[in-house]
Amino acid sequence: MKILVTAFEPFEKENINPSYEALKNVRDRIMNAEIIKMQVPTIFYLSTKKVIEKIEEISPDAVLSIGQAAKKYSVNVERVAINIDDARIPDNAGQQPVDTPIDPDGMPAYFATIPIKKIVEEIKREKLPSVISNTAGTYVCNHLMYGILNYIHKNDLPIKAGFIHVPYSSEQVLDKPDTPFMSLEDMTRAIEIALRVIATNDTHISVPR
């Protein structure tokens, strides 16, 4: 089994993106799964293009994307991606789409096909905070989640896919009083738990088509 795991480069004047810093420490093999790691640009469309190219190159069984969510206290496992870009800030290429469909011919939304409730349950079992989130936002994280699921759907591929948001890391909040954070070590643990669940659950969850 192969699982492609993506994480973003820094954005919005941050020096790091904790999603990628945590991913770098994830083991290269978890259970029966080979873990292929990839950093993606925080750029609309280009992020999806890069991941689709990697999917076509390696034919993974699952794709898990990780991103940073400011002001979150927990590991947020996303339920759904919506077909809209509405950016509060420009991406790393200066693009700032407003109320723009990601794919004018695409479905309004796609549900994650990884076992989100089991992932949250197992992360919490390890004494780490985790919740199911019902919005991945309307920035590049949602864009990438939607783009991957849209590509899988349109090509009828047997690939599970989903998205997890992690909080700031401790070094990012040194000048942000009262802002929640999580250690990179705990983020790495949470990602590895999610990957273990994905690797040991061979069937898709049922989602509307």
C-alpha atoms as a PDB file:
ATOM      1  CA  MET A   1       0.000   0.000   0.000  1.00  0.00           C
ATOM      2  CA  LYS A   2       1.180   3.527  -0.791  1.00  0.00           C
ATOM      3  CA  ILE A   3      -0.080   6.685   0.901  1.00  0.00           C
ATOM      4  CA  LEU A   4       0.819  10.085  -0.494  1.00  0.00           C
ATOM      5  CA  VAL A   5       0.974  12.721   2.247  1.00  0.00           C
ATOM      6  CA  THR A   6       1.148  16.385   1.296  1.00  0.00           C
ATOM      7  CA  ALA A   7       1.804  19.490   3.366  1.00  0.00           C
ATOM      8  CA  PHE A   8       2.126  23.161   2.543  1.00  0.00           C
ATOM      9  CA  GLU A   9       4.969  25.659   2.397  1.00  0.00           C
ATOM     10  CA  PRO A  10       4.821  28.685   4.750  1.00  0.00           C
ATOM     11  CA  PHE A  11       2.416  31.517   3.936  1.00  0.00           C
ATOM     12  CA  GLU A  12       1.114  34.805   5.367  1.00  0.00           C
ATOM     13  CA  LYS A  13       4.575  35.935   6.550  1.00  0.00           C
ATOM     14  CA  GLU A  14       5.138  32.820   8.675  1.00  0.00           C
ATOM     15  CA  ASN A  15       8.663  31.363   8.671  1.00  0.00           C
ATOM     16  CA  ILE A  16       7.430  27.790   8.827  1.00  0.00           C
ATOM     17  CA  ASN A  17       4.329  25.791   8.094  1.00  0.00           C
ATOM     18  CA  PRO A  18       3.812  23.305  10.932  1.00  0.00           C
ATOM     19  CA  SER A  19       2.043  20.876   8.604  1.00  0.00           C
ATOM     20  CA  TYR A  20       5.259  20.279   6.687  1.00  0.00           C
ATOM     21  CA  GLU A  21       7.567  20.483   9.714  1.00  0.00           C
ATOM     22  CA  ALA A  22       5.519  17.732  11.373  1.00  0.00           C
ATOM     23  CA  LEU A  23       5.316  15.680   8.190  1.00  0.00           C
ATOM     24  CA  LYS A  24       9.108  15.625   7.835  1.00  0.00           C
ATOM     25  CA  ASN A  25       9.275  13.591  11.057  1.00  0.00           C
ATOM     26  CA  VAL A  26       6.635  11.037  10.030  1.00  0.00           C
ATOM     27  CA  ARG A  27       8.017   7.526   9.539  1.00  0.00           C
ATOM     28  CA  ASP A  28       8.509   6.297   5.993  1.00  0.00           C
ATOM     29  CA  ARG A  29       6.520   3.119   6.655  1.00  0.00           C
ATOM     30  CA  ILE A  30       3.467   2.714   8.877  1.00  0.00           C
ATOM     31  CA  MET A  31       1.840  -0.689   9.215  1.00  0.00           C
ATOM     32  CA  ASN A  32       1.751  -2.082   5.656  1.00  0.00           C
ATOM     33  CA  ALA A  33       1.938   1.328   4.020  1.00  0.00           C
ATOM     34  CA  GLU A  34       4.798   3.118   2.315  1.00  0.00           C
ATOM     35  CA  ILE A  35       4.553   6.836   3.131  1.00  0.00           C
ATOM     36  CA  ILE A  36       5.468   9.224   0.305  1.00  0.00           C
ATOM     37  CA  LYS A  37       5.893  12.811   1.542  1.00  0.00           C
ATOM     38  CA  MET A  38       5.448  15.924  -0.560  1.00  0.00           C
ATOM     39  CA  GLN A  39       5.573  19.667   0.069  1.00  0.00           C
ATOM     40  CA  VAL A  40       3.159  21.664  -2.072  1.00  0.00           C
ATOM     41  CA  PRO A  41       3.009  25.400  -2.850  1.00  0.00           C
ATOM     42  CA  THR A  42       0.405  27.499  -1.067  1.00  0.00           C
ATOM     43  CA  ILE A  43      -0.942  28.567  -4.435  1.00  0.00           C
ATOM     44  CA  PHE A  44      -4.388  28.031  -5.928  1.00  0.00           C
ATOM     45  CA  TYR A  45      -4.465  25.520  -8.815  1.00  0.00           C
ATOM     46  CA  LEU A  46      -0.698  24.953  -8.803  1.00  0.00           C
ATOM     47  CA  SER A  47      -1.009  23.013  -5.545  1.00  0.00           C
ATOM     48  CA  THR A  48      -3.608  20.698  -7.078  1.00  0.00           C
ATOM     49  CA  LYS A  49      -1.653  20.370 -10.323  1.00  0.00           C
ATOM     50  CA  LYS A  50       1.480  19.261  -8.457  1.00  0.00           C
ATOM     51  CA  VAL A  51      -0.400  16.671  -6.402  1.00  0.00           C
ATOM     52  CA  ILE A  52      -2.244  15.282  -9.421  1.00  0.00           C
ATOM     53  CA  GLU A  53       1.091  14.915 -11.223  1.00  0.00           C
ATOM     54  CA  LYS A  54       2.411  12.963  -8.222  1.00  0.00           C
ATOM     55  CA  ILE A  55      -0.715  10.787  -8.115  1.00  0.00           C
ATOM     56  CA  GLU A  56      -0.249   9.952 -11.797  1.00  0.00           C
ATOM     57  CA  GLU A  57       3.426   9.172 -11.167  1.00  0.00           C
ATOM     58  CA  ILE A  58       3.081   6.846  -8.158  1.00  0.00           C
ATOM     59  CA  SER A  59      -0.563   5.622  -8.213  1.00  0.00           C
ATOM     60  CA  PRO A  60      -1.154   5.800  -4.442  1.00  0.00           C
ATOM     61  CA  ASP A  61      -3.924   3.958  -2.615  1.00  0.00           C
ATOM     62  CA  ALA A  62      -4.688   7.031  -0.509  1.00  0.00           C
ATOM     63  CA  VAL A  63      -3.861  10.729  -0.332  1.00  0.00           C
ATOM     64  CA  LEU A  64      -3.793  12.605   2.969  1.00  0.00           C
ATOM     65  CA  SER A  65      -3.205  16.354   2.860  1.00  0.00           C
ATOM     66  CA  ILE A  66      -2.154  18.387   5.896  1.00  0.00           C
ATOM     67  CA  GLY A  67      -2.501  22.134   6.405  1.00  0.00           C
ATOM     68  CA  GLN A  68      -2.183  24.859   9.032  1.00  0.00           C
ATOM     69  CA  ALA A  69      -5.262  26.322  10.678  1.00  0.00           C
ATOM     70  CA  ALA A  70      -4.610  29.360  12.839  1.00  0.00           C
ATOM     71  CA  LYS A  71      -6.399  29.668  16.188  1.00  0.00           C
ATOM     72  CA  LYS A  72      -7.393  25.991  16.308  1.00  0.00           C
ATOM     73  CA  TYR A  73      -6.835  24.049  19.516  1.00  0.00           C
ATOM     74  CA  SER A  74      -7.069  20.569  18.042  1.00  0.00           C
ATOM     75  CA  VAL A  75      -6.272  18.354  15.094  1.00  0.00           C
ATOM     76  CA  ASN A  76      -9.215  19.007  12.760  1.00  0.00           C
ATOM     77  CA  VAL A  77     -10.159  16.145  10.465  1.00  0.00           C
ATOM     78  CA  GLU A  78     -12.119  17.653   7.593  1.00  0.00           C
ATOM     79  CA  ARG A  79     -15.432  16.161   6.483  1.00  0.00           C
ATOM     80  CA  VAL A  80     -16.111  18.105   3.284  1.00  0.00           C
ATOM     81  CA  ALA A  81     -14.546  20.321   0.607  1.00  0.00           C
ATOM     82  CA  ILE A  82     -16.669  22.857  -1.271  1.00  0.00           C
ATOM     83  CA  ASN A  83     -16.416  24.141  -4.837  1.00  0.00           C
ATOM     84  CA  ILE A  84     -15.487  27.739  -4.050  1.00  0.00           C
ATOM     85  CA  ASP A  85     -12.396  29.904  -3.630  1.00  0.00           C
ATOM     86  CA  ASP A  86     -12.900  32.991  -1.461  1.00  0.00           C
ATOM     87  CA  ALA A  87      -9.540  34.166  -0.195  1.00  0.00           C
ATOM     88  CA  ARG A  88      -9.118  36.438   2.819  1.00  0.00           C
ATOM     89  CA  ILE A  89      -5.466  36.951   1.866  1.00  0.00           C
ATOM     90  CA  PRO A  90      -3.465  36.441  -1.344  1.00  0.00           C
ATOM     91  CA  ASP A  91      -1.779  33.091  -1.904  1.00  0.00           C
ATOM     92  CA  ASN A  92       1.987  32.873  -2.381  1.00  0.00           C
ATOM     93  CA  ALA A  93       1.621  33.899  -6.026  1.00  0.00           C
ATOM     94  CA  GLY A  94      -0.436  36.979  -5.160  1.00  0.00           C
ATOM     95  CA  GLN A  95      -3.744  35.475  -6.292  1.00  0.00           C
ATOM     96  CA  GLN A  96      -6.835  36.350  -4.245  1.00  0.00           C
ATOM     97  CA  PRO A  97      -9.946  34.839  -5.853  1.00  0.00           C
ATOM     98  CA  VAL A  98     -13.319  35.950  -4.483  1.00  0.00           C
ATOM     99  CA  ASP A  99     -16.454  33.799  -4.784  1.00  0.00           C
ATOM    100  CA  THR A 100     -14.854  31.826  -7.631  1.00  0.00           C
ATOM    101  CA  PRO A 101     -15.821  28.219  -8.418  1.00  0.00           C
ATOM    102  CA  ILE A 102     -12.832  25.871  -8.314  1.00  0.00           C
ATOM    103  CA  ASP A 103     -14.284  23.811 -11.158  1.00  0.00           C
ATOM    104  CA  PRO A 104     -17.329  25.303 -12.931  1.00  0.00           C
ATOM    105  CA  ASP A 105     -18.220  21.790 -14.116  1.00  0.00           C
ATOM    106  CA  GLY A 106     -17.519  20.094 -10.786  1.00  0.00           C
ATOM    107  CA  MET A 107     -19.804  18.874  -8.026  1.00  0.00           C
ATOM    108  CA  PRO A 108     -20.835  21.456  -5.391  1.00  0.00           C
ATOM    109  CA  ALA A 109     -18.904  19.521  -2.738  1.00  0.00           C
ATOM    110  CA  TYR A 110     -17.118  16.264  -1.992  1.00  0.00           C
ATOM    111  CA  PHE A 111     -16.944  14.315   1.245  1.00  0.00           C
ATOM    112  CA  ALA A 112     -13.629  12.938   2.483  1.00  0.00           C
ATOM    113  CA  THR A 113     -13.316   9.227   1.773  1.00  0.00           C
ATOM    114  CA  ILE A 114     -10.935   8.424   4.610  1.00  0.00           C
ATOM    115  CA  PRO A 115     -12.530   7.139   7.854  1.00  0.00           C
ATOM    116  CA  ILE A 116     -12.759  10.506   9.601  1.00  0.00           C
ATOM    117  CA  LYS A 117     -14.579   9.385  12.744  1.00  0.00           C
ATOM    118  CA  LYS A 118     -12.187   6.504  13.345  1.00  0.00           C
ATOM    119  CA  ILE A 119      -9.216   8.833  12.900  1.00  0.00           C
ATOM    120  CA  VAL A 120     -10.577  11.304  15.468  1.00  0.00           C
ATOM    121  CA  GLU A 121     -11.380   8.464  17.858  1.00  0.00           C
ATOM    122  CA  GLU A 122      -7.871   7.020  17.634  1.00  0.00           C
ATOM    123  CA  ILE A 123      -6.132  10.401  17.983  1.00  0.00           C
ATOM    124  CA  LYS A 124      -8.175  11.130  21.108  1.00  0.00           C
ATOM    125  CA  ARG A 125      -7.384   7.652  22.437  1.00  0.00           C
ATOM    126  CA  GLU A 126      -3.743   8.765  22.425  1.00  0.00           C
ATOM    127  CA  LYS A 127      -4.672  11.783  24.604  1.00  0.00           C
ATOM    128  CA  LEU A 128      -4.417  14.347  21.815  1.00  0.00           C
ATOM    129  CA  PRO A 129      -7.237  16.792  21.037  1.00  0.00           C
ATOM    130  CA  SER A 130      -9.042  16.097  17.767  1.00  0.00           C
ATOM    131  CA  VAL A 131     -12.429  16.915  16.228  1.00  0.00           C
ATOM    132  CA  ILE A 132     -14.318  16.469  12.989  1.00  0.00           C
ATOM    133  CA  SER A 133     -14.510  19.787  11.172  1.00  0.00           C
ATOM    134  CA  ASN A 134     -17.368  20.567   8.810  1.00  0.00           C
ATOM    135  CA  THR A 135     -15.559  23.335   6.945  1.00  0.00           C
ATOM    136  CA  ALA A 136     -12.083  23.352   5.446  1.00  0.00           C
ATOM    137  CA  GLY A 137     -12.451  27.070   4.765  1.00  0.00           C
ATOM    138  CA  THR A 138     -12.282  28.681   1.339  1.00  0.00           C
ATOM    139  CA  TYR A 139      -8.527  29.168   0.995  1.00  0.00           C
ATOM    140  CA  VAL A 140      -5.867  26.910  -0.560  1.00  0.00           C
ATOM    141  CA  CYS A 141      -6.470  24.044   1.891  1.00  0.00           C
ATOM    142  CA  ASN A 142     -10.083  23.625   0.810  1.00  0.00           C
ATOM    143  CA  HIS A 143      -9.012  24.212  -2.795  1.00  0.00           C
ATOM    144  CA  LEU A 144      -6.523  21.331  -2.652  1.00  0.00           C
ATOM    145  CA  MET A 145      -8.889  18.970  -0.861  1.00  0.00           C
ATOM    146  CA  TYR A 146     -11.610  19.686  -3.399  1.00  0.00           C
ATOM    147  CA  GLY A 147      -9.206  19.431  -6.333  1.00  0.00           C
ATOM    148  CA  ILE A 148      -7.911  16.011  -5.307  1.00  0.00           C
ATOM    149  CA  LEU A 149     -11.376  14.566  -4.632  1.00  0.00           C
ATOM    150  CA  ASN A 150     -12.676  16.092  -7.868  1.00  0.00           C
ATOM    151  CA  TYR A 151      -9.854  14.488  -9.846  1.00  0.00           C
ATOM    152  CA  ILE A 152     -10.449  11.108  -8.202  1.00  0.00           C
ATOM    153  CA  HIS A 153     -14.211  11.335  -8.820  1.00  0.00           C
ATOM    154  CA  LYS A 154     -13.928  12.395 -12.457  1.00  0.00           C
ATOM    155  CA  ASN A 155     -11.427   9.642 -13.223  1.00  0.00           C
ATOM    156  CA  ASP A 156     -13.244   6.986 -11.140  1.00  0.00           C
ATOM    157  CA  LEU A 157     -10.058   6.099  -9.261  1.00  0.00           C
ATOM    158  CA  PRO A 158      -9.952   3.706  -6.279  1.00  0.00           C
ATOM    159  CA  ILE A 159      -8.103   6.225  -4.095  1.00  0.00           C
ATOM    160  CA  LYS A 160      -9.145   7.359  -0.627  1.00  0.00           C
ATOM    161  CA  ALA A 161      -8.492  11.011   0.143  1.00  0.00           C
ATOM    162  CA  GLY A 162      -8.935  13.521   2.931  1.00  0.00           C
ATOM    163  CA  PHE A 163      -7.525  16.533   4.731  1.00  0.00           C
ATOM    164  CA  ILE A 164      -6.328  17.326   8.258  1.00  0.00           C
ATOM    165  CA  HIS A 165      -5.688  20.772   9.738  1.00  0.00           C
ATOM    166  CA  VAL A 166      -3.146  21.215  12.527  1.00  0.00           C
ATOM    167  CA  PRO A 167      -2.728  24.234  14.863  1.00  0.00           C
ATOM    168  CA  TYR A 168       0.182  26.629  15.027  1.00  0.00           C
ATOM    169  CA  SER A 169       3.410  25.253  16.467  1.00  0.00           C
ATOM    170  CA  SER A 170       4.849  26.708  19.663  1.00  0.00           C
ATOM    171  CA  GLU A 171       7.468  28.842  17.869  1.00  0.00           C
ATOM    172  CA  GLN A 172       4.764  30.532  15.803  1.00  0.00           C
ATOM    173  CA  VAL A 173       2.934  31.948  18.822  1.00  0.00           C
ATOM    174  CA  LEU A 174       5.855  33.596  20.614  1.00  0.00           C
ATOM    175  CA  ASP A 175       4.493  36.995  19.551  1.00  0.00           C
ATOM    176  CA  LYS A 176       0.825  35.954  19.463  1.00  0.00           C
ATOM    177  CA  PRO A 177      -0.436  36.052  23.063  1.00  0.00           C
ATOM    178  CA  ASP A 178      -3.279  33.706  24.008  1.00  0.00           C
ATOM    179  CA  THR A 179      -3.095  31.887  20.670  1.00  0.00           C
ATOM    180  CA  PRO A 180      -3.522  28.097  20.804  1.00  0.00           C
ATOM    181  CA  PHE A 181      -0.717  25.846  19.587  1.00  0.00           C
ATOM    182  CA  MET A 182       0.491  22.251  19.572  1.00  0.00           C
ATOM    183  CA  SER A 183       3.982  20.790  19.646  1.00  0.00           C
ATOM    184  CA  LEU A 184       5.369  19.449  16.396  1.00  0.00           C
ATOM    185  CA  GLU A 185       5.942  16.147  18.155  1.00  0.00           C
ATOM    186  CA  ASP A 186       2.226  15.822  18.948  1.00  0.00           C
ATOM    187  CA  MET A 187       1.299  16.836  15.412  1.00  0.00           C
ATOM    188  CA  THR A 188       3.570  14.124  14.056  1.00  0.00           C
ATOM    189  CA  ARG A 189       1.980  11.590  16.395  1.00  0.00           C
ATOM    190  CA  ALA A 190      -1.492  12.611  15.243  1.00  0.00           C
ATOM    191  CA  ILE A 191      -0.547  12.333  11.561  1.00  0.00           C
ATOM    192  CA  GLU A 192       0.959   8.900  12.129  1.00  0.00           C
ATOM    193  CA  ILE A 193      -2.195   7.774  13.937  1.00  0.00           C
ATOM    194  CA  ALA A 194      -4.301   8.970  11.001  1.00  0.00           C
ATOM    195  CA  LEU A 195      -2.051   7.108   8.590  1.00  0.00           C
ATOM    196  CA  ARG A 196      -2.274   3.956  10.682  1.00  0.00           C
ATOM    197  CA  VAL A 197      -6.065   4.125  10.537  1.00  0.00           C
ATOM    198  CA  ILE A 198      -6.031   4.682   6.779  1.00  0.00           C
ATOM    199  CA  ALA A 199      -3.589   1.814   6.292  1.00  0.00           C
ATOM    200  CA  THR A 200      -5.735  -0.604   8.290  1.00  0.00           C
ATOM    201  CA  ASN A 201      -9.083   0.376   6.750  1.00  0.00           C
ATOM    202  CA  ASP A 202      -9.124  -1.018   3.237  1.00  0.00           C
ATOM    203  CA  THR A 203     -12.626  -0.008   2.204  1.00  0.00           C
ATOM    204  CA  HIS A 204     -14.030   3.430   1.408  1.00  0.00           C
ATOM    205  CA  ILE A 205     -16.700   4.918   3.597  1.00  0.00           C
ATOM    206  CA  SER A 206     -20.047   5.326   1.875  1.00  0.00           C
ATOM    207  CA  VAL A 207     -20.498   8.781   0.377  1.00  0.00           C
ATOM    208  CA  PRO A 208     -23.074  10.207  -2.046  1.00  0.00           C
ATOM    209  CA  ARG A 209     -22.081  10.026  -5.730  1.00  0.00           C
END
